[in-house]
Amino acid sequence: MPSERPSPADLRRWVRGHQAAERRIAADRRGQPIDSDAALGRALELMQLVEELHGDAGDPETPTEEDLRVYDVWVRLRAALRGRA
């Protein structure tokens, strides 16, 4: 659980984002097909929203400390499982 409570502004932004997503989903479910340009535009908007809400993910080619820890655990697990075979 997070140790800090989100600010009211963050909560309002989160709610607005979910409401906008629900409206888009509802429109899509009504059978209003969109062309590829509109689909790409929506995908780019979603990527921008995620960045606004969660910050820049950084360079995906540069591993973070967490990435390295997870990889280390995976290497050890894989070695242990191979030893059982």
Protein backbone atom coordinates (compact mmCIF):
# COMPACT_ATOMS: atom_id res chain seq x y z
CA MET A 1 0.00 0.00 0.00
CA PRO A 2 1.21 3.50 -0.70
CA SER A 3 2.44 5.34 2.35
CA GLU A 4 1.08 8.70 1.18
CA ARG A 5 -2.46 9.60 0.26
CA PRO A 6 -2.93 10.99 -3.24
CA SER A 7 -3.74 14.64 -3.52
CA PRO A 8 -7.30 15.68 -4.40
CA ALA A 9 -6.02 17.03 -7.74
CA ASP A 10 -4.43 13.65 -8.55
CA LEU A 11 -7.66 11.86 -7.66
CA ARG A 12 -9.72 14.21 -9.84
CA ARG A 13 -7.31 13.69 -12.75
CA TRP A 14 -7.50 9.91 -12.24
CA VAL A 15 -11.32 10.00 -12.22
CA ARG A 16 -11.43 12.19 -15.33
CA GLY A 17 -9.11 9.80 -17.12
CA HIS A 18 -11.25 6.81 -16.24
CA GLN A 19 -14.43 8.61 -17.25
CA ALA A 20 -12.90 9.56 -20.60
CA ALA A 21 -11.82 5.96 -21.14
CA GLU A 22 -15.31 4.70 -20.29
CA ARG A 23 -16.85 7.14 -22.78
CA ARG A 24 -14.49 5.96 -25.52
CA ILE A 25 -15.18 2.32 -24.76
CA ALA A 26 -18.92 2.95 -24.80
CA ALA A 27 -18.64 4.71 -28.16
CA ASP A 28 -16.62 1.82 -29.57
CA ARG A 29 -19.17 -0.69 -28.30
CA ARG A 30 -21.95 1.18 -30.09
CA GLY A 31 -20.40 0.02 -33.30
CA GLN A 32 -18.86 3.27 -34.42
CA PRO A 33 -15.87 1.98 -36.34
CA ILE A 34 -12.83 4.21 -36.51
CA ASP A 35 -10.31 4.44 -39.30
CA SER A 36 -6.63 3.66 -38.84
CA ASP A 37 -5.64 7.33 -38.49
CA ALA A 38 -8.13 7.81 -35.66
CA ALA A 39 -6.99 4.56 -34.00
CA LEU A 40 -3.37 5.71 -34.14
CA GLY A 41 -4.38 9.10 -32.75
CA ARG A 42 -6.15 7.43 -29.84
CA ALA A 43 -3.15 5.23 -29.13
CA LEU A 44 -0.85 8.26 -29.07
CA GLU A 45 -3.27 10.11 -26.78
CA LEU A 46 -3.31 7.12 -24.43
CA MET A 47 0.48 7.01 -24.38
CA GLN A 48 0.56 10.73 -23.56
CA LEU A 49 -2.01 10.26 -20.78
CA VAL A 50 -0.01 7.41 -19.23
CA GLU A 51 3.12 9.57 -19.32
CA GLU A 52 1.26 12.46 -17.68
CA LEU A 53 -0.11 10.21 -14.95
CA HIS A 54 2.95 8.08 -14.30
CA GLY A 55 5.86 10.11 -15.64
CA ASP A 56 8.27 9.32 -18.41
CA ALA A 57 9.17 5.66 -18.50
CA GLY A 58 12.68 6.55 -19.62
CA ASP A 59 14.73 4.75 -22.20
CA PRO A 60 13.38 1.20 -22.52
CA GLU A 61 16.84 0.02 -23.59
CA THR A 62 18.42 1.14 -20.30
CA PRO A 63 17.72 -1.36 -17.53
CA THR A 64 16.73 -0.03 -14.12
CA GLU A 65 17.94 -1.42 -10.81
CA GLU A 66 14.62 -3.25 -10.48
CA ASP A 67 15.07 -4.75 -13.95
CA LEU A 68 18.50 -6.03 -12.95
CA ARG A 69 17.19 -7.51 -9.68
CA VAL A 70 14.33 -9.26 -11.48
CA TYR A 71 16.71 -10.61 -14.10
CA ASP A 72 19.05 -11.90 -11.38
CA VAL A 73 16.16 -13.72 -9.70
CA TRP A 74 15.08 -15.15 -13.07
CA VAL A 75 18.61 -16.45 -13.78
CA ARG A 76 18.78 -18.17 -10.40
CA LEU A 77 15.28 -19.62 -10.75
CA ARG A 78 16.00 -20.90 -14.25
CA ALA A 79 19.24 -22.53 -13.06
CA ALA A 80 17.45 -24.17 -10.13
CA LEU A 81 14.68 -25.50 -12.36
CA ARG A 82 17.17 -26.86 -14.90
CA GLY A 83 18.88 -28.71 -12.09
CA ARG A 84 15.61 -30.56 -11.38
CA ALA A 85 15.10 -31.79 -14.94
